[in-house]
Each structure stands twice: as structure tokens, then as C-alpha cells.
Amino acid sequence: MVTIKQRKKQIREEVLQKLKIMDDEDFAQKNKQIYEHILTCDLWQKSKIIGITLSRGREIGTRPIIEKAWQLGKKIAVPKCFPEHKEMRFYFLDHYEQLELSYFDLYEPKLSEVTEVHKDDIDTMFVPGVAYSQSGYRIGFGGGYYDRYLKQYHGETISLLFDEQKIDQVPIEEHDIPVNWLITPDQIMKTTKLDN
């Protein structure tokens, strides 16, 4: 009997492989289309404080989003993971020099140089992941940090994805929390909240 965790791991590996073999030009073009959608999105325009991670590898690039937000006078909050408590907190980021390379090759804020942001102050949260269903359920990178954080988060949530990351159904566990919006190269979509 395959467990939900094993099924998620299998889907994660399959989707990451699809992303890995994406053509570089195609990858860049689709990133550009996603950025254009973000800028026309009401949520983006209304949001004053935006929660977002620093992308790496074959994730949709978040630095152009961060830089555009700064240009527009929006505030950016980035996460730091605390593995010993399996929790994540967000901190204001004013410039890239406030970041350091941490575990898992993630860029995270230097705690001595940043101020913590309360989750109720973050208007919109960009939630990373590997695979998504139309209902907004996602398979992340396996740490569970976002699901724990989102449990008490009441703002809007958006995930950015390529078509290669769409799947029919995400095997859901009790702690999984769906996002409100999905943005692909072709559309901005409100999620349906129906799965399994």
C-alpha cells in the first residue's frame, strides 16, 4: 500500500524532472508571461506588504517580483526557517545585502539586520511549491513549513506555476492548506477548493 507521503514524493520527483528538462528559452519566456500577469492582478496592486521566498534552480524567479515591489514602494517580507522548532518566520527585506546563504542553499535574512513581520500584517503571500491541482492544493518541497505557517494566516495566497506543474489531484493530508490563487503563463485563476 503506497502512503500519501510516498505518493507525494513520487509526484514531486516526476514534476521536478519535467522542470529540469524545460528548454531555457521557454523557461525565460514563461517567467516573463507570469510576471506580466502578476502586475495586472488586483491583489498585487492592492498589497502593501508581500510575503515571498527567494527562488532557486528551476523555480519561477522571484527576484524580478521583489525588485518591482520595491520600485512601487511595496514592502517585501521573506521567510527564515527554524528547523529546531520546524517553524518559519517572515522578516522585512530592504536590500539583498540583508540575506545570507543558509541550509538547503536557501537565501534567508540575517537576523541581526532585519525586523520580524507579524503574519497579520502580510497582505499577500506567494506560496512556493512543486505541483498543484486546480483546487489550490500543492505539493511543496517536503518540509511542511508553509502549511504550518498558513494555518494561522488570513491574508491572500498565490502560487506561481508552469503548466508542467499542474496535476489532476494532490493526495491531501489533514494539515494541507490550499492557496487562493494560481498564476500560470496563460491565466490568473481563483482556486476551486475541491479535491479528493
N, C-alpha and C. Protein backbone atom coordinates (compact mmCIF):
# COMPACT_ATOMS: atom_id res chain seq x y z
N MET A 1 0.84 -1.20 0.00
CA MET A 1 0.00 0.00 0.00
C MET A 1 0.89 1.26 0.00
N VAL A 2 0.71 2.11 -1.01
CA VAL A 2 1.50 3.34 -1.12
C VAL A 2 0.90 4.40 -0.20
N THR A 3 1.71 5.00 0.66
CA THR A 3 1.19 6.04 1.57
C THR A 3 1.08 7.37 0.82
N ILE A 4 0.35 8.31 1.42
CA ILE A 4 0.20 9.64 0.82
C ILE A 4 1.57 10.30 0.70
N LYS A 5 2.40 10.16 1.73
CA LYS A 5 3.74 10.75 1.69
C LYS A 5 4.57 10.20 0.53
N GLN A 6 4.48 8.87 0.32
CA GLN A 6 5.23 8.25 -0.78
C GLN A 6 4.71 8.72 -2.13
N ARG A 7 3.38 8.84 -2.22
CA ARG A 7 2.76 9.30 -3.48
C ARG A 7 3.20 10.75 -3.78
N LYS A 8 3.20 11.58 -2.74
CA LYS A 8 3.64 12.97 -2.92
C LYS A 8 5.09 13.03 -3.37
N LYS A 9 5.91 12.20 -2.75
CA LYS A 9 7.34 12.17 -3.09
C LYS A 9 7.52 11.78 -4.57
N GLN A 10 6.74 10.81 -5.00
CA GLN A 10 6.81 10.35 -6.39
C GLN A 10 6.41 11.48 -7.35
N ILE A 11 5.29 12.16 -7.04
CA ILE A 11 4.83 13.26 -7.89
C ILE A 11 5.88 14.38 -7.90
N ARG A 12 6.40 14.69 -6.71
CA ARG A 12 7.42 15.75 -6.60
C ARG A 12 8.61 15.45 -7.53
N GLU A 13 9.09 14.21 -7.49
CA GLU A 13 10.24 13.82 -8.31
C GLU A 13 9.91 13.91 -9.81
N GLU A 14 8.70 13.46 -10.18
CA GLU A 14 8.30 13.50 -11.60
C GLU A 14 8.23 14.94 -12.11
N VAL A 15 7.62 15.83 -11.31
CA VAL A 15 7.45 17.22 -11.74
C VAL A 15 8.79 17.94 -11.77
N LEU A 16 9.63 17.71 -10.77
CA LEU A 16 10.96 18.34 -10.76
C LEU A 16 11.77 17.91 -11.99
N GLN A 17 11.59 16.68 -12.40
CA GLN A 17 12.28 16.18 -13.60
C GLN A 17 11.78 16.93 -14.85
N LYS A 18 10.47 17.14 -14.93
CA LYS A 18 9.90 17.89 -16.07
C LYS A 18 10.46 19.30 -16.13
N LEU A 19 10.60 19.93 -14.96
CA LEU A 19 11.13 21.30 -14.89
C LEU A 19 12.60 21.33 -15.31
N LYS A 20 13.31 20.30 -14.91
CA LYS A 20 14.74 20.21 -15.19
C LYS A 20 15.01 20.18 -16.70
N ILE A 21 14.12 19.50 -17.43
CA ILE A 21 14.37 19.35 -18.88
C ILE A 21 13.70 20.44 -19.72
N MET A 22 13.07 21.41 -19.05
CA MET A 22 12.47 22.53 -19.79
C MET A 22 13.55 23.30 -20.53
N ASP A 23 13.24 23.69 -21.75
CA ASP A 23 14.15 24.48 -22.56
C ASP A 23 14.39 25.84 -21.90
N ASP A 24 15.63 26.32 -21.85
CA ASP A 24 15.97 27.58 -21.17
C ASP A 24 15.18 28.77 -21.71
N GLU A 25 15.05 28.82 -23.04
CA GLU A 25 14.34 29.94 -23.67
C GLU A 25 12.86 29.91 -23.27
N ASP A 26 12.30 28.72 -23.30
CA ASP A 26 10.90 28.50 -22.92
C ASP A 26 10.69 28.91 -21.46
N PHE A 27 11.63 28.50 -20.61
CA PHE A 27 11.60 28.82 -19.17
C PHE A 27 11.58 30.34 -18.98
N ALA A 28 12.46 31.03 -19.66
CA ALA A 28 12.56 32.50 -19.53
C ALA A 28 11.29 33.18 -20.05
N GLN A 29 10.79 32.71 -21.17
CA GLN A 29 9.58 33.30 -21.78
C GLN A 29 8.36 33.13 -20.86
N LYS A 30 8.23 31.94 -20.29
CA LYS A 30 7.08 31.67 -19.41
C LYS A 30 7.18 32.46 -18.11
N ASN A 31 8.39 32.65 -17.60
CA ASN A 31 8.59 33.51 -16.43
C ASN A 31 8.06 34.91 -16.74
N LYS A 32 8.43 35.42 -17.92
CA LYS A 32 8.05 36.78 -18.35
C LYS A 32 6.52 36.90 -18.40
N GLN A 33 5.86 35.88 -18.95
CA GLN A 33 4.39 35.92 -19.05
C GLN A 33 3.75 35.94 -17.65
N ILE A 34 4.33 35.17 -16.75
CA ILE A 34 3.82 35.13 -15.37
C ILE A 34 3.99 36.50 -14.71
N TYR A 35 5.15 37.15 -14.91
CA TYR A 35 5.37 38.48 -14.32
C TYR A 35 4.32 39.47 -14.83
N GLU A 36 4.00 39.39 -16.13
CA GLU A 36 3.01 40.31 -16.72
C GLU A 36 1.65 40.11 -16.06
N HIS A 37 1.28 38.86 -15.80
CA HIS A 37 0.00 38.58 -15.12
C HIS A 37 0.00 39.15 -13.70
N ILE A 38 1.11 38.98 -13.00
CA ILE A 38 1.18 39.47 -11.61
C ILE A 38 0.91 40.97 -11.58
N LEU A 39 1.52 41.72 -12.50
CA LEU A 39 1.39 43.18 -12.49
C LEU A 39 -0.03 43.66 -12.78
N THR A 40 -0.82 42.83 -13.46
CA THR A 40 -2.21 43.23 -13.76
C THR A 40 -3.18 42.74 -12.68
N CYS A 41 -2.68 41.95 -11.77
CA CYS A 41 -3.52 41.30 -10.76
C CYS A 41 -3.93 42.31 -9.67
N ASP A 42 -5.23 42.36 -9.37
CA ASP A 42 -5.76 43.26 -8.33
C ASP A 42 -5.04 43.10 -7.00
N LEU A 43 -4.84 41.85 -6.62
CA LEU A 43 -4.20 41.55 -5.34
C LEU A 43 -2.84 42.22 -5.24
N TRP A 44 -2.07 42.11 -6.32
CA TRP A 44 -0.75 42.71 -6.37
C TRP A 44 -0.86 44.22 -6.20
N GLN A 45 -1.79 44.80 -6.94
CA GLN A 45 -1.92 46.26 -6.91
C GLN A 45 -2.33 46.78 -5.54
N LYS A 46 -3.19 46.02 -4.85
CA LYS A 46 -3.68 46.46 -3.53
C LYS A 46 -2.71 46.16 -2.39
N SER A 47 -1.85 45.17 -2.58
CA SER A 47 -0.98 44.72 -1.48
C SER A 47 0.11 45.72 -1.15
N LYS A 48 0.25 45.99 0.14
CA LYS A 48 1.33 46.87 0.59
C LYS A 48 2.52 46.07 1.13
N ILE A 49 2.21 44.93 1.76
CA ILE A 49 3.27 44.06 2.29
C ILE A 49 3.10 42.68 1.66
N ILE A 50 4.16 42.21 1.02
CA ILE A 50 4.11 40.95 0.27
C ILE A 50 5.10 39.95 0.86
N GLY A 51 4.62 38.75 1.15
CA GLY A 51 5.48 37.67 1.62
C GLY A 51 5.93 36.83 0.43
N ILE A 52 7.23 36.61 0.32
CA ILE A 52 7.74 35.87 -0.86
C ILE A 52 9.09 35.24 -0.53
N THR A 53 9.37 34.09 -1.11
CA THR A 53 10.68 33.45 -0.89
C THR A 53 11.63 33.86 -2.02
N LEU A 54 12.91 33.61 -1.82
CA LEU A 54 13.88 33.81 -2.89
C LEU A 54 14.01 32.49 -3.64
N SER A 55 13.66 32.54 -4.90
CA SER A 55 13.64 31.30 -5.69
C SER A 55 15.05 30.78 -5.94
N ARG A 56 15.11 29.52 -6.30
CA ARG A 56 16.40 28.92 -6.68
C ARG A 56 16.14 27.87 -7.75
N GLY A 57 17.17 27.55 -8.50
CA GLY A 57 17.07 26.49 -9.51
C GLY A 57 15.98 26.74 -10.52
N ARG A 58 15.16 25.73 -10.76
CA ARG A 58 14.12 25.80 -11.77
C ARG A 58 12.78 26.32 -11.25
N GLU A 59 12.82 27.11 -10.16
CA GLU A 59 11.59 27.75 -9.70
C GLU A 59 11.38 29.02 -10.51
N ILE A 60 10.13 29.46 -10.58
CA ILE A 60 9.83 30.75 -11.21
C ILE A 60 10.59 31.81 -10.43
N GLY A 61 11.35 32.63 -11.15
CA GLY A 61 12.23 33.60 -10.50
C GLY A 61 11.45 34.64 -9.69
N THR A 62 11.83 34.84 -8.45
CA THR A 62 11.11 35.83 -7.63
C THR A 62 11.85 37.16 -7.50
N ARG A 63 13.12 37.21 -7.88
CA ARG A 63 13.84 38.49 -7.73
C ARG A 63 13.21 39.62 -8.55
N PRO A 64 12.79 39.38 -9.81
CA PRO A 64 12.14 40.47 -10.55
C PRO A 64 10.86 40.97 -9.85
N ILE A 65 10.16 40.05 -9.17
CA ILE A 65 8.92 40.42 -8.45
C ILE A 65 9.29 41.30 -7.25
N ILE A 66 10.33 40.88 -6.53
CA ILE A 66 10.80 41.63 -5.36
C ILE A 66 11.24 43.04 -5.78
N GLU A 67 12.01 43.10 -6.87
CA GLU A 67 12.53 44.39 -7.32
C GLU A 67 11.42 45.32 -7.80
N LYS A 68 10.42 44.75 -8.46
CA LYS A 68 9.28 45.56 -8.93
C LYS A 68 8.51 46.09 -7.71
N ALA A 69 8.33 45.26 -6.71
CA ALA A 69 7.63 45.67 -5.49
C ALA A 69 8.37 46.85 -4.83
N TRP A 70 9.69 46.74 -4.73
CA TRP A 70 10.48 47.83 -4.15
C TRP A 70 10.30 49.12 -4.95
N GLN A 71 10.35 48.99 -6.28
CA GLN A 71 10.17 50.17 -7.16
C GLN A 71 8.84 50.86 -6.90
N LEU A 72 7.82 50.04 -6.62
CA LEU A 72 6.46 50.57 -6.42
C LEU A 72 6.20 51.00 -4.98
N GLY A 73 7.22 50.89 -4.13
CA GLY A 73 7.06 51.32 -2.74
C GLY A 73 6.36 50.29 -1.85
N LYS A 74 6.27 49.06 -2.33
CA LYS A 74 5.68 47.99 -1.51
C LYS A 74 6.76 47.44 -0.60
N LYS A 75 6.35 46.80 0.48
CA LYS A 75 7.33 46.18 1.39
C LYS A 75 7.36 44.69 1.13
N ILE A 76 8.57 44.15 1.21
CA ILE A 76 8.79 42.72 0.97
C ILE A 76 9.17 42.04 2.28
N ALA A 77 8.54 40.90 2.53
CA ALA A 77 8.88 40.09 3.71
C ALA A 77 9.31 38.72 3.22
N VAL A 78 10.47 38.27 3.71
CA VAL A 78 10.99 36.97 3.29
C VAL A 78 11.11 36.04 4.49
N PRO A 79 11.00 34.74 4.25
CA PRO A 79 10.99 33.79 5.38
C PRO A 79 12.37 33.34 5.84
N LYS A 80 12.40 32.96 7.10
CA LYS A 80 13.55 32.24 7.66
C LYS A 80 12.99 31.01 8.35
N CYS A 81 13.59 29.86 8.08
CA CYS A 81 13.16 28.61 8.70
C CYS A 81 13.97 28.35 9.97
N PHE A 82 13.28 27.83 10.96
CA PHE A 82 13.93 27.44 12.21
C PHE A 82 13.70 25.94 12.38
N PRO A 83 14.62 25.12 11.83
CA PRO A 83 14.42 23.67 11.79
C PRO A 83 14.23 23.03 13.16
N GLU A 84 14.88 23.61 14.19
CA GLU A 84 14.77 23.00 15.52
C GLU A 84 13.33 23.03 16.04
N HIS A 85 12.53 24.04 15.60
CA HIS A 85 11.12 24.11 16.01
C HIS A 85 10.18 23.82 14.83
N LYS A 86 10.78 23.53 13.67
CA LYS A 86 10.02 23.30 12.44
C LYS A 86 9.07 24.46 12.17
N GLU A 87 9.56 25.68 12.38
CA GLU A 87 8.70 26.84 12.13
C GLU A 87 9.40 27.83 11.22
N MET A 88 8.60 28.76 10.71
CA MET A 88 9.08 29.74 9.76
C MET A 88 8.57 31.11 10.22
N ARG A 89 9.43 32.12 10.09
CA ARG A 89 9.01 33.50 10.41
C ARG A 89 9.41 34.39 9.25
N PHE A 90 8.70 35.49 9.08
CA PHE A 90 8.99 36.42 7.98
C PHE A 90 9.61 37.70 8.52
N TYR A 91 10.52 38.27 7.69
CA TYR A 91 11.25 39.48 8.07
C TYR A 91 11.26 40.45 6.90
N PHE A 92 11.18 41.75 7.19
CA PHE A 92 11.26 42.75 6.13
C PHE A 92 12.61 42.69 5.45
N LEU A 93 12.60 42.77 4.12
CA LEU A 93 13.84 42.80 3.35
C LEU A 93 13.88 44.13 2.58
N ASP A 94 14.91 44.93 2.85
CA ASP A 94 15.05 46.23 2.16
C ASP A 94 16.07 46.17 1.04
N HIS A 95 17.02 45.25 1.13
CA HIS A 95 18.02 45.07 0.06
C HIS A 95 18.65 43.68 0.22
N TYR A 96 19.23 43.21 -0.87
CA TYR A 96 19.76 41.84 -0.90
C TYR A 96 20.93 41.61 0.05
N GLU A 97 21.60 42.69 0.44
CA GLU A 97 22.75 42.51 1.36
C GLU A 97 22.30 41.99 2.73
N GLN A 98 21.00 42.06 2.98
CA GLN A 98 20.47 41.54 4.27
C GLN A 98 20.27 40.03 4.24
N LEU A 99 20.68 39.39 3.15
CA LEU A 99 20.48 37.94 3.00
C LEU A 99 21.79 37.19 3.21
N GLU A 100 21.65 35.93 3.61
CA GLU A 100 22.80 35.04 3.67
C GLU A 100 22.36 33.66 3.19
N LEU A 101 23.33 32.90 2.71
CA LEU A 101 23.04 31.55 2.24
C LEU A 101 22.94 30.64 3.46
N SER A 102 21.81 29.93 3.57
CA SER A 102 21.62 29.08 4.75
C SER A 102 21.50 27.62 4.31
N TYR A 103 20.88 26.82 5.17
CA TYR A 103 20.78 25.39 4.84
C TYR A 103 19.89 25.18 3.62
N PHE A 104 20.06 24.07 2.93
CA PHE A 104 19.34 23.75 1.69
C PHE A 104 19.62 24.75 0.57
N ASP A 105 20.72 25.53 0.68
CA ASP A 105 21.04 26.53 -0.34
C ASP A 105 19.97 27.60 -0.50
N LEU A 106 19.31 27.93 0.59
CA LEU A 106 18.29 28.98 0.55
C LEU A 106 18.91 30.30 0.98
N TYR A 107 18.46 31.38 0.34
CA TYR A 107 18.85 32.70 0.82
C TYR A 107 17.82 33.14 1.85
N GLU A 108 18.30 33.43 3.05
CA GLU A 108 17.41 33.83 4.14
C GLU A 108 17.95 35.10 4.79
N PRO A 109 17.08 35.83 5.50
CA PRO A 109 17.53 37.08 6.11
C PRO A 109 18.52 36.88 7.25
N LYS A 110 19.48 37.82 7.36
CA LYS A 110 20.41 37.84 8.50
C LYS A 110 19.64 38.45 9.66
N LEU A 111 19.40 37.69 10.69
CA LEU A 111 18.52 38.14 11.77
C LEU A 111 19.00 39.43 12.45
N SER A 112 20.30 39.66 12.43
CA SER A 112 20.83 40.86 13.10
C SER A 112 20.51 42.14 12.31
N GLU A 113 20.05 41.98 11.05
CA GLU A 113 19.85 43.17 10.20
C GLU A 113 18.40 43.41 9.79
N VAL A 114 17.50 42.58 10.27
CA VAL A 114 16.11 42.69 9.79
C VAL A 114 15.11 42.72 10.95
N THR A 115 13.88 43.15 10.62
CA THR A 115 12.80 43.23 11.61
C THR A 115 11.74 42.20 11.27
N GLU A 116 11.24 41.51 12.27
CA GLU A 116 10.19 40.50 12.03
C GLU A 116 8.88 41.17 11.65
N VAL A 117 8.12 40.49 10.79
CA VAL A 117 6.81 40.96 10.35
C VAL A 117 5.76 40.02 10.93
N HIS A 118 4.75 40.57 11.55
CA HIS A 118 3.66 39.73 12.07
C HIS A 118 2.83 39.22 10.90
N LYS A 119 2.40 37.97 10.96
CA LYS A 119 1.69 37.40 9.81
C LYS A 119 0.40 38.15 9.47
N ASP A 120 -0.24 38.78 10.44
CA ASP A 120 -1.47 39.55 10.14
C ASP A 120 -1.18 40.80 9.32
N ASP A 121 0.09 41.22 9.26
CA ASP A 121 0.43 42.42 8.50
C ASP A 121 0.76 42.13 7.04
N ILE A 122 0.94 40.85 6.72
CA ILE A 122 1.26 40.49 5.33
C ILE A 122 -0.04 40.38 4.54
N ASP A 123 -0.17 41.23 3.50
CA ASP A 123 -1.42 41.26 2.71
C ASP A 123 -1.54 40.04 1.81
N THR A 124 -0.46 39.74 1.11
CA THR A 124 -0.47 38.65 0.13
C THR A 124 0.79 37.82 0.28
N MET A 125 0.60 36.52 0.23
CA MET A 125 1.72 35.59 0.39
C MET A 125 1.89 34.77 -0.90
N PHE A 126 3.08 34.85 -1.50
CA PHE A 126 3.40 33.98 -2.63
C PHE A 126 3.91 32.67 -2.04
N VAL A 127 3.18 31.59 -2.31
CA VAL A 127 3.49 30.30 -1.69
C VAL A 127 4.19 29.39 -2.71
N PRO A 128 5.43 28.99 -2.43
CA PRO A 128 6.14 28.14 -3.40
C PRO A 128 5.65 26.70 -3.34
N GLY A 129 6.00 25.96 -4.36
CA GLY A 129 5.62 24.54 -4.38
C GLY A 129 6.16 23.87 -5.63
N VAL A 130 5.87 22.60 -5.75
CA VAL A 130 6.36 21.82 -6.90
C VAL A 130 5.21 21.47 -7.84
N ALA A 131 4.10 21.00 -7.27
CA ALA A 131 2.96 20.56 -8.09
C ALA A 131 1.67 21.09 -7.48
N TYR A 132 0.69 21.37 -8.36
CA TYR A 132 -0.56 21.99 -7.90
C TYR A 132 -1.76 21.39 -8.61
N SER A 133 -2.88 21.30 -7.88
CA SER A 133 -4.15 20.95 -8.52
C SER A 133 -4.96 22.23 -8.65
N GLN A 134 -6.02 22.18 -9.47
CA GLN A 134 -6.85 23.36 -9.70
C GLN A 134 -7.52 23.86 -8.42
N SER A 135 -7.61 23.00 -7.45
CA SER A 135 -8.26 23.38 -6.19
C SER A 135 -7.33 24.18 -5.28
N GLY A 136 -6.05 24.33 -5.72
CA GLY A 136 -5.11 25.12 -4.92
C GLY A 136 -4.30 24.29 -3.94
N TYR A 137 -4.56 22.98 -3.88
CA TYR A 137 -3.71 22.13 -3.04
C TYR A 137 -2.37 21.96 -3.74
N ARG A 138 -1.31 21.85 -2.97
CA ARG A 138 0.03 21.81 -3.56
C ARG A 138 0.90 20.75 -2.90
N ILE A 139 1.89 20.35 -3.64
CA ILE A 139 2.94 19.51 -3.08
C ILE A 139 4.16 20.41 -3.03
N GLY A 140 4.65 20.64 -1.82
CA GLY A 140 5.80 21.52 -1.65
C GLY A 140 7.09 20.74 -1.74
N PHE A 141 8.10 21.25 -1.04
CA PHE A 141 9.41 20.61 -1.11
C PHE A 141 9.61 19.60 0.02
N GLY A 142 8.55 19.39 0.82
CA GLY A 142 8.59 18.30 1.79
C GLY A 142 8.85 18.69 3.23
N GLY A 143 9.09 19.98 3.49
CA GLY A 143 9.39 20.38 4.87
C GLY A 143 8.16 20.71 5.70
N GLY A 144 7.05 21.04 5.03
CA GLY A 144 5.81 21.35 5.74
C GLY A 144 5.77 22.73 6.39
N TYR A 145 6.80 23.56 6.12
CA TYR A 145 6.88 24.87 6.78
C TYR A 145 5.70 25.78 6.40
N TYR A 146 5.37 25.81 5.11
CA TYR A 146 4.29 26.70 4.68
C TYR A 146 2.94 26.27 5.23
N ASP A 147 2.65 24.97 5.23
CA ASP A 147 1.36 24.52 5.76
C ASP A 147 1.21 24.91 7.22
N ARG A 148 2.29 24.77 7.98
CA ARG A 148 2.23 25.17 9.39
C ARG A 148 2.01 26.68 9.53
N TYR A 149 2.70 27.45 8.69
CA TYR A 149 2.59 28.91 8.77
C TYR A 149 1.20 29.37 8.34
N LEU A 150 0.68 28.78 7.27
CA LEU A 150 -0.60 29.24 6.70
C LEU A 150 -1.81 28.90 7.57
N LYS A 151 -1.62 27.97 8.49
CA LYS A 151 -2.72 27.58 9.37
C LYS A 151 -3.31 28.80 10.10
N GLN A 152 -2.45 29.73 10.50
CA GLN A 152 -2.90 30.93 11.23
C GLN A 152 -2.81 32.20 10.37
N TYR A 153 -2.69 32.03 9.05
CA TYR A 153 -2.54 33.20 8.17
C TYR A 153 -3.88 33.50 7.51
N HIS A 154 -4.28 34.78 7.52
CA HIS A 154 -5.62 35.11 7.00
C HIS A 154 -5.60 36.00 5.75
N GLY A 155 -4.40 36.29 5.23
CA GLY A 155 -4.31 37.09 4.01
C GLY A 155 -4.55 36.23 2.77
N GLU A 156 -4.30 36.80 1.60
CA GLU A 156 -4.47 36.07 0.34
C GLU A 156 -3.22 35.27 0.03
N THR A 157 -3.39 34.13 -0.63
CA THR A 157 -2.26 33.30 -1.02
C THR A 157 -2.27 33.05 -2.52
N ILE A 158 -1.09 33.16 -3.12
CA ILE A 158 -0.93 32.98 -4.56
C ILE A 158 0.22 32.01 -4.79
N SER A 159 0.06 31.13 -5.76
CA SER A 159 1.19 30.31 -6.21
C SER A 159 1.41 30.55 -7.69
N LEU A 160 2.67 30.54 -8.09
CA LEU A 160 3.07 30.72 -9.49
C LEU A 160 3.51 29.37 -10.03
N LEU A 161 3.04 29.03 -11.22
CA LEU A 161 3.40 27.70 -11.74
C LEU A 161 3.40 27.65 -13.25
N PHE A 162 4.18 26.73 -13.77
CA PHE A 162 4.18 26.40 -15.19
C PHE A 162 3.14 25.30 -15.41
N ASP A 163 2.74 25.11 -16.67
CA ASP A 163 1.78 24.03 -16.98
C ASP A 163 2.35 22.66 -16.56
N GLU A 164 3.67 22.55 -16.63
CA GLU A 164 4.33 21.29 -16.25
C GLU A 164 4.09 20.94 -14.78
N GLN A 165 3.66 21.91 -14.00
CA GLN A 165 3.45 21.68 -12.56
C GLN A 165 1.99 21.40 -12.19
N LYS A 166 1.12 21.44 -13.20
CA LYS A 166 -0.30 21.15 -12.94
C LYS A 166 -0.52 19.64 -12.87
N ILE A 167 -1.26 19.22 -11.86
CA ILE A 167 -1.64 17.80 -11.79
C ILE A 167 -3.15 17.73 -11.50
N ASP A 168 -3.76 16.60 -11.82
CA ASP A 168 -5.22 16.49 -11.65
C ASP A 168 -5.63 16.54 -10.19
N GLN A 169 -4.86 15.87 -9.35
CA GLN A 169 -5.25 15.78 -7.95
C GLN A 169 -4.03 15.66 -7.05
N VAL A 170 -4.06 16.38 -5.95
CA VAL A 170 -3.00 16.27 -4.96
C VAL A 170 -3.50 15.34 -3.85
N PRO A 171 -2.72 14.33 -3.48
CA PRO A 171 -3.13 13.49 -2.34
C PRO A 171 -3.08 14.37 -1.08
N ILE A 172 -4.21 14.55 -0.43
CA ILE A 172 -4.30 15.51 0.67
C ILE A 172 -4.13 14.85 2.03
N GLU A 173 -3.34 15.53 2.86
CA GLU A 173 -3.20 15.15 4.27
C GLU A 173 -3.94 16.20 5.10
N GLU A 174 -4.24 15.86 6.32
CA GLU A 174 -5.04 16.71 7.20
C GLU A 174 -4.49 18.13 7.34
N HIS A 175 -3.16 18.24 7.36
CA HIS A 175 -2.54 19.56 7.60
C HIS A 175 -2.40 20.41 6.34
N ASP A 176 -2.73 19.87 5.16
CA ASP A 176 -2.53 20.61 3.91
C ASP A 176 -3.51 21.77 3.77
N ILE A 177 -3.00 22.91 3.34
CA ILE A 177 -3.83 24.10 3.18
C ILE A 177 -3.73 24.59 1.74
N PRO A 178 -4.87 24.72 1.04
CA PRO A 178 -4.81 25.16 -0.36
C PRO A 178 -4.55 26.67 -0.46
N VAL A 179 -4.00 27.09 -1.61
CA VAL A 179 -3.83 28.52 -1.86
C VAL A 179 -5.08 29.06 -2.55
N ASN A 180 -5.26 30.40 -2.51
CA ASN A 180 -6.46 31.03 -3.09
C ASN A 180 -6.38 31.25 -4.60
N TRP A 181 -5.16 31.50 -5.09
CA TRP A 181 -4.99 31.87 -6.49
C TRP A 181 -3.81 31.13 -7.11
N LEU A 182 -3.95 30.81 -8.41
CA LEU A 182 -2.85 30.23 -9.18
C LEU A 182 -2.58 31.15 -10.37
N ILE A 183 -1.32 31.45 -10.61
CA ILE A 183 -0.96 32.24 -11.80
C ILE A 183 -0.04 31.40 -12.66
N THR A 184 -0.47 31.18 -13.91
CA THR A 184 0.31 30.41 -14.89
C THR A 184 0.71 31.37 -16.02
N PRO A 185 1.50 30.91 -16.99
CA PRO A 185 1.82 31.81 -18.11
C PRO A 185 0.57 32.26 -18.87
N ASP A 186 -0.52 31.48 -18.78
CA ASP A 186 -1.72 31.79 -19.56
C ASP A 186 -2.85 32.46 -18.78
N GLN A 187 -2.85 32.33 -17.46
CA GLN A 187 -4.02 32.85 -16.74
C GLN A 187 -3.79 33.10 -15.26
N ILE A 188 -4.72 33.89 -14.70
CA ILE A 188 -4.82 34.09 -13.25
C ILE A 188 -6.11 33.36 -12.86
N MET A 189 -6.02 32.45 -11.93
CA MET A 189 -7.17 31.59 -11.66
C MET A 189 -7.48 31.51 -10.16
N LYS A 190 -8.73 31.77 -9.81
CA LYS A 190 -9.19 31.57 -8.43
C LYS A 190 -9.35 30.07 -8.25
N THR A 191 -8.87 29.54 -7.13
CA THR A 191 -8.94 28.08 -6.97
C THR A 191 -10.33 27.63 -6.52
N THR A 192 -10.61 26.34 -6.77
CA THR A 192 -11.95 25.82 -6.56
C THR A 192 -12.18 25.19 -5.19
N LYS A 193 -11.11 24.88 -4.48
CA LYS A 193 -11.18 24.26 -3.14
C LYS A 193 -11.77 22.85 -3.13
N LEU A 194 -11.90 22.22 -4.28
CA LEU A 194 -12.42 20.85 -4.29
C LEU A 194 -11.30 19.90 -4.67
N ASP A 195 -11.08 18.88 -3.89
CA ASP A 195 -10.06 17.88 -4.21
C ASP A 195 -10.42 16.59 -3.48
N ASN A 196 -9.82 15.52 -3.93
CA ASN A 196 -10.06 14.19 -3.31
C ASN A 196 -11.53 13.85 -3.23
